[in-house]
Amino acid sequence: MATRAVMSCRSSSRRERLRRCKQQLEQEQADEQAAYEENLAWRAVWEAEHGRKLGGRKPTPPAADALAARKINTTDPDTRLMKRAGGRSVQGYNAQVVASPQQVIIAAQVTQSHNDSDQLAPMVESASDTLLEAGIEEPIGIVLADGGYWNSPAISEVRRQGTDVLVPTQDRQRSAPRKLSPRQGAEAERIEAVLSTPEGQALYRRRQQIVEPVFAHTKVIRRSDRFLRRGLAACQAEWQLIAATHNLLKLWRAGPANEGSAETLAA
């Protein structure tokens, strides 16, 4: 009887996961359709304001039969297929970190986003909230972010909150700057002007010294390179636990903690 009860429970759990997977695939299809329509609407408004056609490739509508070809991980439906260095892919999550100049993690989040371009504003907001909770009212002076965070509207939004942002306008795989579209021209020109100076280049080099060792220590030294739990909420809790223990180790090695500064952060 006990064996049958366990089998019944597993079967029910499997049915629930399959139901969730089906709902998720349908929601993704609906989200893509909504994003396509939003893009079309934005282009129409821009063309009406400027009196001419917007250049570049027009958005492609989602294929009507795309839902049948979609795949999803039934073990953990919350995961997404993420690209890694070297073109490899892994089923998992996108782990985000904001660190202080002392390599203390200020914000740690796990997302389902395939890239970082929509994570800049949420991560800066999370870091600001953490500093306020710790009694640090001094605003963040500047955020140094990897090229993957390039998103002109997000950069403008963060700067409107009083925090400057430096994100390179060309990534490591490019030999030429990004083409300056209407959505990113002003921010790209500003950042190019800053990074064209020796002072700007020296400032941005600090990003590699601040946040890259955090990931190296976490993934290589501590071997925390994969989650042990399933589900977005569980992995979020696990990632924040990893970040908390990272900070405790920093404090243990440094001795009595000195009063920190929120002047410069890196992501």
C-alpha atoms as a PDB file:
ATOM      1  CA  MET A   1       0.000   0.000   0.000  1.00  0.00           C
ATOM      2  CA  ALA A   2       2.833   2.405   0.853  1.00  0.00           C
ATOM      3  CA  THR A   3       4.483   1.752  -2.489  1.00  0.00           C
ATOM      4  CA  ARG A   4       1.263   2.473  -4.342  1.00  0.00           C
ATOM      5  CA  ALA A   5       0.808   5.720  -2.407  1.00  0.00           C
ATOM      6  CA  VAL A   6       4.300   6.901  -3.377  1.00  0.00           C
ATOM      7  CA  MET A   7       3.729   5.988  -7.011  1.00  0.00           C
ATOM      8  CA  SER A   8       0.402   7.827  -7.020  1.00  0.00           C
ATOM      9  CA  CYS A   9       2.054  10.917  -5.550  1.00  0.00           C
ATOM     10  CA  ARG A  10       4.788  10.883  -8.168  1.00  0.00           C
ATOM     11  CA  SER A  11       2.241  10.463 -10.951  1.00  0.00           C
ATOM     12  CA  SER A  12       0.258  13.419  -9.642  1.00  0.00           C
ATOM     13  CA  SER A  13       3.423  15.502  -9.394  1.00  0.00           C
ATOM     14  CA  ARG A  14       4.355  14.603 -12.957  1.00  0.00           C
ATOM     15  CA  ARG A  15       0.904  15.548 -14.240  1.00  0.00           C
ATOM     16  CA  GLU A  16       1.146  18.881 -12.438  1.00  0.00           C
ATOM     17  CA  ARG A  17       4.565  19.600 -13.992  1.00  0.00           C
ATOM     18  CA  LEU A  18       3.246  18.735 -17.458  1.00  0.00           C
ATOM     19  CA  ARG A  19       0.257  21.035 -16.928  1.00  0.00           C
ATOM     20  CA  ARG A  20       2.599  23.845 -15.889  1.00  0.00           C
ATOM     21  CA  CYS A  21       4.834  23.200 -18.890  1.00  0.00           C
ATOM     22  CA  LYS A  22       1.883  23.472 -21.273  1.00  0.00           C
ATOM     23  CA  GLN A  23       0.714  26.724 -19.669  1.00  0.00           C
ATOM     24  CA  GLN A  24       4.222  28.144 -19.787  1.00  0.00           C
ATOM     25  CA  LEU A  25       4.687  27.377 -23.478  1.00  0.00           C
ATOM     26  CA  GLU A  26       1.370  29.021 -24.268  1.00  0.00           C
ATOM     27  CA  GLN A  27       2.318  32.081 -22.191  1.00  0.00           C
ATOM     28  CA  GLU A  28       5.670  32.390 -23.969  1.00  0.00           C
ATOM     29  CA  GLN A  29       3.873  32.317 -27.312  1.00  0.00           C
ATOM     30  CA  ALA A  30       1.493  35.043 -26.126  1.00  0.00           C
ATOM     31  CA  ASP A  31       4.384  37.160 -24.787  1.00  0.00           C
ATOM     32  CA  GLU A  32       6.230  36.972 -28.102  1.00  0.00           C
ATOM     33  CA  GLN A  33       3.099  38.033 -29.966  1.00  0.00           C
ATOM     34  CA  ALA A  34       2.602  40.956 -27.560  1.00  0.00           C
ATOM     35  CA  ALA A  35       6.242  42.038 -27.947  1.00  0.00           C
ATOM     36  CA  TYR A  36       5.913  41.915 -31.731  1.00  0.00           C
ATOM     37  CA  GLU A  37       2.799  44.086 -31.665  1.00  0.00           C
ATOM     38  CA  GLU A  38       4.438  46.534 -29.240  1.00  0.00           C
ATOM     39  CA  ASN A  39       7.429  46.855 -31.563  1.00  0.00           C
ATOM     40  CA  LEU A  40       5.146  47.541 -34.513  1.00  0.00           C
ATOM     41  CA  ALA A  41       3.296  50.197 -32.519  1.00  0.00           C
ATOM     42  CA  TRP A  42       6.551  51.907 -31.506  1.00  0.00           C
ATOM     43  CA  ARG A  43       7.762  51.956 -35.109  1.00  0.00           C
ATOM     44  CA  ALA A  44       4.463  53.473 -36.259  1.00  0.00           C
ATOM     45  CA  VAL A  45       4.688  56.247 -33.645  1.00  0.00           C
ATOM     46  CA  TRP A  46       8.334  56.984 -34.524  1.00  0.00           C
ATOM     47  CA  GLU A  47       7.607  57.146 -38.267  1.00  0.00           C
ATOM     48  CA  ALA A  48       4.612  59.428 -37.662  1.00  0.00           C
ATOM     49  CA  GLU A  49       6.730  61.785 -35.544  1.00  0.00           C
ATOM     50  CA  HIS A  50       9.648  61.921 -37.996  1.00  0.00           C
ATOM     51  CA  GLY A  51       7.699  61.755 -41.238  1.00  0.00           C
ATOM     52  CA  ARG A  52       9.798  58.973 -42.742  1.00  0.00           C
ATOM     53  CA  LYS A  53      10.275  55.213 -42.649  1.00  0.00           C
ATOM     54  CA  LEU A  54      12.462  53.775 -39.926  1.00  0.00           C
ATOM     55  CA  GLY A  55      15.464  51.946 -41.332  1.00  0.00           C
ATOM     56  CA  GLY A  56      16.637  48.507 -40.367  1.00  0.00           C
ATOM     57  CA  ARG A  57      15.002  45.106 -40.557  1.00  0.00           C
ATOM     58  CA  LYS A  58      11.335  45.010 -39.706  1.00  0.00           C
ATOM     59  CA  PRO A  59      10.253  42.737 -36.827  1.00  0.00           C
ATOM     60  CA  THR A  60       9.240  39.223 -37.822  1.00  0.00           C
ATOM     61  CA  PRO A  61       5.902  37.950 -36.478  1.00  0.00           C
ATOM     62  CA  PRO A  62       5.954  34.707 -34.463  1.00  0.00           C
ATOM     63  CA  ALA A  63       5.238  31.657 -36.612  1.00  0.00           C
ATOM     64  CA  ALA A  64       1.700  30.332 -36.246  1.00  0.00           C
ATOM     65  CA  ASP A  65       2.936  26.741 -35.755  1.00  0.00           C
ATOM     66  CA  ALA A  66       5.855  27.670 -33.452  1.00  0.00           C
ATOM     67  CA  LEU A  67       4.085  26.390 -30.329  1.00  0.00           C
ATOM     68  CA  ALA A  68       4.121  22.789 -31.563  1.00  0.00           C
ATOM     69  CA  ALA A  69       7.889  22.950 -32.130  1.00  0.00           C
ATOM     70  CA  ARG A  70       8.739  24.464 -28.743  1.00  0.00           C
ATOM     71  CA  LYS A  71      10.543  22.442 -26.097  1.00  0.00           C
ATOM     72  CA  ILE A  72      10.618  22.776 -22.329  1.00  0.00           C
ATOM     73  CA  ASN A  73      12.408  21.071 -19.453  1.00  0.00           C
ATOM     74  CA  THR A  74       9.842  18.982 -17.573  1.00  0.00           C
ATOM     75  CA  THR A  75      12.187  18.350 -14.620  1.00  0.00           C
ATOM     76  CA  ASP A  76      12.323  22.064 -13.801  1.00  0.00           C
ATOM     77  CA  PRO A  77       9.877  24.018 -15.982  1.00  0.00           C
ATOM     78  CA  ASP A  78      11.168  27.329 -14.584  1.00  0.00           C
ATOM     79  CA  THR A  79      14.585  26.895 -16.219  1.00  0.00           C
ATOM     80  CA  ARG A  80      15.542  28.284 -19.613  1.00  0.00           C
ATOM     81  CA  LEU A  81      18.203  27.344 -22.148  1.00  0.00           C
ATOM     82  CA  MET A  82      21.123  29.689 -21.433  1.00  0.00           C
ATOM     83  CA  LYS A  83      24.139  30.263 -23.652  1.00  0.00           C
ATOM     84  CA  ARG A  84      27.572  29.918 -22.080  1.00  0.00           C
ATOM     85  CA  ALA A  85      31.028  30.998 -23.185  1.00  0.00           C
ATOM     86  CA  GLY A  86      32.175  29.180 -26.291  1.00  0.00           C
ATOM     87  CA  GLY A  87      28.690  28.846 -27.738  1.00  0.00           C
ATOM     88  CA  ARG A  88      27.631  26.062 -25.382  1.00  0.00           C
ATOM     89  CA  SER A  89      24.181  26.015 -23.809  1.00  0.00           C
ATOM     90  CA  VAL A  90      22.948  24.834 -20.437  1.00  0.00           C
ATOM     91  CA  GLN A  91      19.476  24.412 -18.966  1.00  0.00           C
ATOM     92  CA  GLY A  92      19.359  26.767 -16.019  1.00  0.00           C
ATOM     93  CA  TYR A  93      19.039  30.349 -14.831  1.00  0.00           C
ATOM     94  CA  ASN A  94      20.784  33.683 -15.263  1.00  0.00           C
ATOM     95  CA  ALA A  95      22.519  34.587 -11.981  1.00  0.00           C
ATOM     96  CA  GLN A  96      23.050  38.322 -11.416  1.00  0.00           C
ATOM     97  CA  VAL A  97      25.332  40.136  -8.961  1.00  0.00           C
ATOM     98  CA  VAL A  98      26.102  43.731  -8.003  1.00  0.00           C
ATOM     99  CA  ALA A  99      29.303  44.154  -5.985  1.00  0.00           C
ATOM    100  CA  SER A 100      31.004  46.995  -4.136  1.00  0.00           C
ATOM    101  CA  PRO A 101      34.646  48.044  -4.701  1.00  0.00           C
ATOM    102  CA  GLN A 102      35.506  45.777  -1.753  1.00  0.00           C
ATOM    103  CA  GLN A 103      33.960  42.814  -3.662  1.00  0.00           C
ATOM    104  CA  VAL A 104      31.056  42.616  -1.213  1.00  0.00           C
ATOM    105  CA  ILE A 105      27.860  41.446  -2.913  1.00  0.00           C
ATOM    106  CA  ILE A 106      25.179  44.125  -2.589  1.00  0.00           C
ATOM    107  CA  ALA A 107      22.477  42.491  -4.718  1.00  0.00           C
ATOM    108  CA  ALA A 108      22.043  38.914  -5.967  1.00  0.00           C
ATOM    109  CA  GLN A 109      19.167  37.836  -8.171  1.00  0.00           C
ATOM    110  CA  VAL A 110      18.286  34.828 -10.341  1.00  0.00           C
ATOM    111  CA  THR A 111      16.291  35.475 -13.499  1.00  0.00           C
ATOM    112  CA  GLN A 112      14.912  33.522 -16.443  1.00  0.00           C
ATOM    113  CA  SER A 113      16.123  36.168 -18.895  1.00  0.00           C
ATOM    114  CA  HIS A 114      18.369  34.873 -21.686  1.00  0.00           C
ATOM    115  CA  ASN A 115      20.547  37.990 -21.632  1.00  0.00           C
ATOM    116  CA  ASP A 116      21.430  40.849 -19.305  1.00  0.00           C
ATOM    117  CA  SER A 117      20.058  43.779 -21.316  1.00  0.00           C
ATOM    118  CA  ASP A 118      16.857  44.009 -19.245  1.00  0.00           C
ATOM    119  CA  GLN A 119      18.537  43.480 -15.873  1.00  0.00           C
ATOM    120  CA  LEU A 120      20.431  46.755 -15.347  1.00  0.00           C
ATOM    121  CA  ALA A 121      17.637  48.829 -13.793  1.00  0.00           C
ATOM    122  CA  PRO A 122      16.245  46.030 -11.545  1.00  0.00           C
ATOM    123  CA  MET A 123      19.709  45.174 -10.215  1.00  0.00           C
ATOM    124  CA  VAL A 124      20.608  48.806  -9.481  1.00  0.00           C
ATOM    125  CA  GLU A 125      17.259  49.245  -7.716  1.00  0.00           C
ATOM    126  CA  SER A 126      17.861  46.099  -5.669  1.00  0.00           C
ATOM    127  CA  ALA A 127      21.344  47.303  -4.689  1.00  0.00           C
ATOM    128  CA  SER A 128      19.985  50.723  -3.689  1.00  0.00           C
ATOM    129  CA  ASP A 129      17.279  49.120  -1.532  1.00  0.00           C
ATOM    130  CA  THR A 130      19.872  46.939   0.203  1.00  0.00           C
ATOM    131  CA  LEU A 131      22.076  49.933   0.999  1.00  0.00           C
ATOM    132  CA  LEU A 132      19.126  51.875   2.392  1.00  0.00           C
ATOM    133  CA  GLU A 133      18.136  48.922   4.592  1.00  0.00           C
ATOM    134  CA  ALA A 134      21.717  48.879   5.893  1.00  0.00           C
ATOM    135  CA  GLY A 135      21.450  52.566   6.810  1.00  0.00           C
ATOM    136  CA  ILE A 136      23.632  53.834   3.944  1.00  0.00           C
ATOM    137  CA  GLU A 137      21.790  56.821   2.516  1.00  0.00           C
ATOM    138  CA  GLU A 138      24.597  57.944   0.204  1.00  0.00           C
ATOM    139  CA  PRO A 139      23.387  57.312  -3.370  1.00  0.00           C
ATOM    140  CA  ILE A 140      25.295  55.056  -5.735  1.00  0.00           C
ATOM    141  CA  GLY A 141      27.619  57.285  -7.723  1.00  0.00           C
ATOM    142  CA  ILE A 142      28.300  55.126 -10.765  1.00  0.00           C
ATOM    143  CA  VAL A 143      27.641  51.612 -11.999  1.00  0.00           C
ATOM    144  CA  LEU A 144      30.188  49.859 -14.219  1.00  0.00           C
ATOM    145  CA  ALA A 145      28.444  47.116 -16.172  1.00  0.00           C
ATOM    146  CA  ASP A 146      29.458  44.530 -18.755  1.00  0.00           C
ATOM    147  CA  GLY A 147      28.586  45.130 -22.403  1.00  0.00           C
ATOM    148  CA  GLY A 148      25.767  42.595 -22.166  1.00  0.00           C
ATOM    149  CA  TYR A 149      23.808  45.113 -20.085  1.00  0.00           C
ATOM    150  CA  TRP A 150      23.632  47.571 -22.975  1.00  0.00           C
ATOM    151  CA  ASN A 151      20.104  48.984 -23.071  1.00  0.00           C
ATOM    152  CA  SER A 152      19.814  52.677 -23.830  1.00  0.00           C
ATOM    153  CA  PRO A 153      16.353  53.254 -22.241  1.00  0.00           C
ATOM    154  CA  ALA A 154      17.433  51.377 -19.090  1.00  0.00           C
ATOM    155  CA  ILE A 155      20.672  53.362 -18.867  1.00  0.00           C
ATOM    156  CA  SER A 156      18.730  56.611 -19.210  1.00  0.00           C
ATOM    157  CA  GLU A 157      16.285  55.497 -16.513  1.00  0.00           C
ATOM    158  CA  VAL A 158      19.086  54.687 -14.039  1.00  0.00           C
ATOM    159  CA  ARG A 159      20.762  58.017 -14.748  1.00  0.00           C
ATOM    160  CA  ARG A 160      17.489  59.830 -14.057  1.00  0.00           C
ATOM    161  CA  GLN A 161      17.612  58.295 -10.567  1.00  0.00           C
ATOM    162  CA  GLY A 162      20.948  60.043  -9.960  1.00  0.00           C
ATOM    163  CA  THR A 163      23.333  57.160 -10.713  1.00  0.00           C
ATOM    164  CA  ASP A 164      25.724  57.369 -13.636  1.00  0.00           C
ATOM    165  CA  VAL A 165      26.275  54.297 -15.821  1.00  0.00           C
ATOM    166  CA  LEU A 166      29.172  53.098 -17.947  1.00  0.00           C
ATOM    167  CA  VAL A 167      28.447  50.235 -20.339  1.00  0.00           C
ATOM    168  CA  PRO A 168      30.783  49.852 -23.344  1.00  0.00           C
ATOM    169  CA  THR A 169      29.154  50.500 -26.704  1.00  0.00           C
ATOM    170  CA  GLN A 170      30.987  47.567 -28.283  1.00  0.00           C
ATOM    171  CA  ASP A 171      31.333  44.079 -26.876  1.00  0.00           C
ATOM    172  CA  ARG A 172      34.284  41.721 -26.930  1.00  0.00           C
ATOM    173  CA  GLN A 173      33.113  39.956 -30.090  1.00  0.00           C
ATOM    174  CA  ARG A 174      32.802  43.194 -32.076  1.00  0.00           C
ATOM    175  CA  SER A 175      35.523  45.194 -33.770  1.00  0.00           C
ATOM    176  CA  ALA A 176      33.287  48.208 -34.426  1.00  0.00           C
ATOM    177  CA  PRO A 177      30.862  50.182 -32.235  1.00  0.00           C
ATOM    178  CA  ARG A 178      27.169  49.392 -32.321  1.00  0.00           C
ATOM    179  CA  LYS A 179      25.148  51.180 -34.957  1.00  0.00           C
ATOM    180  CA  LEU A 180      23.504  54.136 -33.282  1.00  0.00           C
ATOM    181  CA  SER A 181      19.760  53.613 -33.675  1.00  0.00           C
ATOM    182  CA  PRO A 182      17.253  56.234 -32.480  1.00  0.00           C
ATOM    183  CA  ARG A 183      16.846  54.269 -29.256  1.00  0.00           C
ATOM    184  CA  GLN A 184      20.510  54.317 -28.242  1.00  0.00           C
ATOM    185  CA  GLY A 185      22.276  57.157 -30.001  1.00  0.00           C
ATOM    186  CA  ALA A 186      22.482  59.746 -27.210  1.00  0.00           C
ATOM    187  CA  GLU A 187      23.659  57.320 -24.519  1.00  0.00           C
ATOM    188  CA  ALA A 188      26.134  55.694 -26.882  1.00  0.00           C
ATOM    189  CA  GLU A 189      27.637  59.056 -27.802  1.00  0.00           C
ATOM    190  CA  ARG A 190      27.950  60.039 -24.137  1.00  0.00           C
ATOM    191  CA  ILE A 191      29.634  56.789 -23.145  1.00  0.00           C
ATOM    192  CA  GLU A 192      31.952  56.847 -26.159  1.00  0.00           C
ATOM    193  CA  ALA A 193      33.067  60.325 -25.113  1.00  0.00           C
ATOM    194  CA  VAL A 194      33.825  59.126 -21.581  1.00  0.00           C
ATOM    195  CA  LEU A 195      35.626  55.947 -22.638  1.00  0.00           C
ATOM    196  CA  SER A 196      37.732  57.838 -25.186  1.00  0.00           C
ATOM    197  CA  THR A 197      39.611  59.510 -22.320  1.00  0.00           C
ATOM    198  CA  PRO A 198      42.378  57.861 -20.244  1.00  0.00           C
ATOM    199  CA  GLU A 199      40.408  58.644 -17.073  1.00  0.00           C
ATOM    200  CA  GLY A 200      37.281  56.961 -18.438  1.00  0.00           C
ATOM    201  CA  GLN A 201      39.224  53.887 -19.531  1.00  0.00           C
ATOM    202  CA  ALA A 202      40.898  53.586 -16.130  1.00  0.00           C
ATOM    203  CA  LEU A 203      37.530  53.919 -14.404  1.00  0.00           C
ATOM    204  CA  TYR A 204      35.897  51.211 -16.493  1.00  0.00           C
ATOM    205  CA  ARG A 205      38.831  48.818 -15.959  1.00  0.00           C
ATOM    206  CA  ARG A 206      37.817  48.743 -12.300  1.00  0.00           C
ATOM    207  CA  ARG A 207      34.757  46.664 -13.242  1.00  0.00           C
ATOM    208  CA  GLN A 208      36.953  43.676 -13.999  1.00  0.00           C
ATOM    209  CA  GLN A 209      38.770  44.106 -10.686  1.00  0.00           C
ATOM    210  CA  ILE A 210      35.535  44.392  -8.703  1.00  0.00           C
ATOM    211  CA  VAL A 211      33.010  41.856  -9.937  1.00  0.00           C
ATOM    212  CA  GLU A 212      34.931  39.238 -11.936  1.00  0.00           C
ATOM    213  CA  PRO A 213      36.814  37.934  -8.856  1.00  0.00           C
ATOM    214  CA  VAL A 214      33.445  37.500  -7.129  1.00  0.00           C
ATOM    215  CA  PHE A 215      32.273  35.058  -9.802  1.00  0.00           C
ATOM    216  CA  ALA A 216      35.688  33.373  -9.946  1.00  0.00           C
ATOM    217  CA  HIS A 217      35.702  32.826  -6.189  1.00  0.00           C
ATOM    218  CA  THR A 218      32.108  31.581  -6.173  1.00  0.00           C
ATOM    219  CA  LYS A 219      32.209  29.268  -9.192  1.00  0.00           C
ATOM    220  CA  VAL A 220      35.822  28.026  -9.073  1.00  0.00           C
ATOM    221  CA  ILE A 221      37.166  28.300  -5.530  1.00  0.00           C
ATOM    222  CA  ARG A 222      33.902  27.425  -3.784  1.00  0.00           C
ATOM    223  CA  ARG A 223      32.666  25.248  -6.677  1.00  0.00           C
ATOM    224  CA  SER A 224      29.183  26.760  -6.557  1.00  0.00           C
ATOM    225  CA  ASP A 225      28.659  26.413 -10.292  1.00  0.00           C
ATOM    226  CA  ARG A 226      25.244  24.731 -10.283  1.00  0.00           C
ATOM    227  CA  PHE A 227      22.100  24.885  -8.171  1.00  0.00           C
ATOM    228  CA  LEU A 228      21.151  21.971  -5.958  1.00  0.00           C
ATOM    229  CA  ARG A 229      17.442  22.805  -5.882  1.00  0.00           C
ATOM    230  CA  ARG A 230      14.700  23.173  -8.498  1.00  0.00           C
ATOM    231  CA  GLY A 231      12.338  26.012  -9.234  1.00  0.00           C
ATOM    232  CA  LEU A 232      12.942  29.739  -9.613  1.00  0.00           C
ATOM    233  CA  ALA A 233      12.061  30.632  -6.011  1.00  0.00           C
ATOM    234  CA  ALA A 234      14.233  27.863  -4.555  1.00  0.00           C
ATOM    235  CA  CYS A 235      17.225  28.749  -6.750  1.00  0.00           C
ATOM    236  CA  GLN A 236      16.783  32.439  -5.895  1.00  0.00           C
ATOM    237  CA  ALA A 237      17.003  31.569  -2.192  1.00  0.00           C
ATOM    238  CA  GLU A 238      20.028  29.356  -2.830  1.00  0.00           C
ATOM    239  CA  TRP A 239      21.826  32.098  -4.806  1.00  0.00           C
ATOM    240  CA  GLN A 240      21.217  34.645  -2.067  1.00  0.00           C
ATOM    241  CA  LEU A 241      22.523  32.161   0.504  1.00  0.00           C
ATOM    242  CA  ILE A 242      25.674  31.732  -1.597  1.00  0.00           C
ATOM    243  CA  ALA A 243      26.023  35.535  -1.751  1.00  0.00           C
ATOM    244  CA  ALA A 244      25.536  35.866   2.016  1.00  0.00           C
ATOM    245  CA  THR A 245      28.201  33.271   2.783  1.00  0.00           C
ATOM    246  CA  HIS A 246      30.531  34.988   0.292  1.00  0.00           C
ATOM    247  CA  ASN A 247      30.145  38.214   2.261  1.00  0.00           C
ATOM    248  CA  LEU A 248      30.667  36.432   5.576  1.00  0.00           C
ATOM    249  CA  LEU A 249      33.911  34.964   4.263  1.00  0.00           C
ATOM    250  CA  LYS A 250      35.008  38.443   3.152  1.00  0.00           C
ATOM    251  CA  LEU A 251      34.302  39.810   6.626  1.00  0.00           C
ATOM    252  CA  TRP A 252      36.073  36.893   8.296  1.00  0.00           C
ATOM    253  CA  ARG A 253      39.194  37.399   6.198  1.00  0.00           C
ATOM    254  CA  ALA A 254      39.184  41.197   6.505  1.00  0.00           C
ATOM    255  CA  GLY A 255      38.726  41.365  10.272  1.00  0.00           C
ATOM    256  CA  PRO A 256      36.729  44.254  11.720  1.00  0.00           C
ATOM    257  CA  ALA A 257      34.629  45.754   8.941  1.00  0.00           C
ATOM    258  CA  ASN A 258      35.368  49.355   8.032  1.00  0.00           C
ATOM    259  CA  GLU A 259      32.613  51.728   7.032  1.00  0.00           C
ATOM    260  CA  GLY A 260      32.031  51.157   3.286  1.00  0.00           C
ATOM    261  CA  SER A 261      31.207  53.537   0.501  1.00  0.00           C
ATOM    262  CA  ALA A 262      28.521  53.224  -2.142  1.00  0.00           C
ATOM    263  CA  GLU A 263      30.348  55.463  -4.578  1.00  0.00           C
ATOM    264  CA  THR A 264      31.098  52.818  -7.218  1.00  0.00           C
ATOM    265  CA  LEU A 265      29.468  49.460  -7.910  1.00  0.00           C
ATOM    266  CA  ALA A 266      29.924  46.912 -10.679  1.00  0.00           C
ATOM    267  CA  ALA A 267      27.700  44.310 -12.277  1.00  0.00           C
END
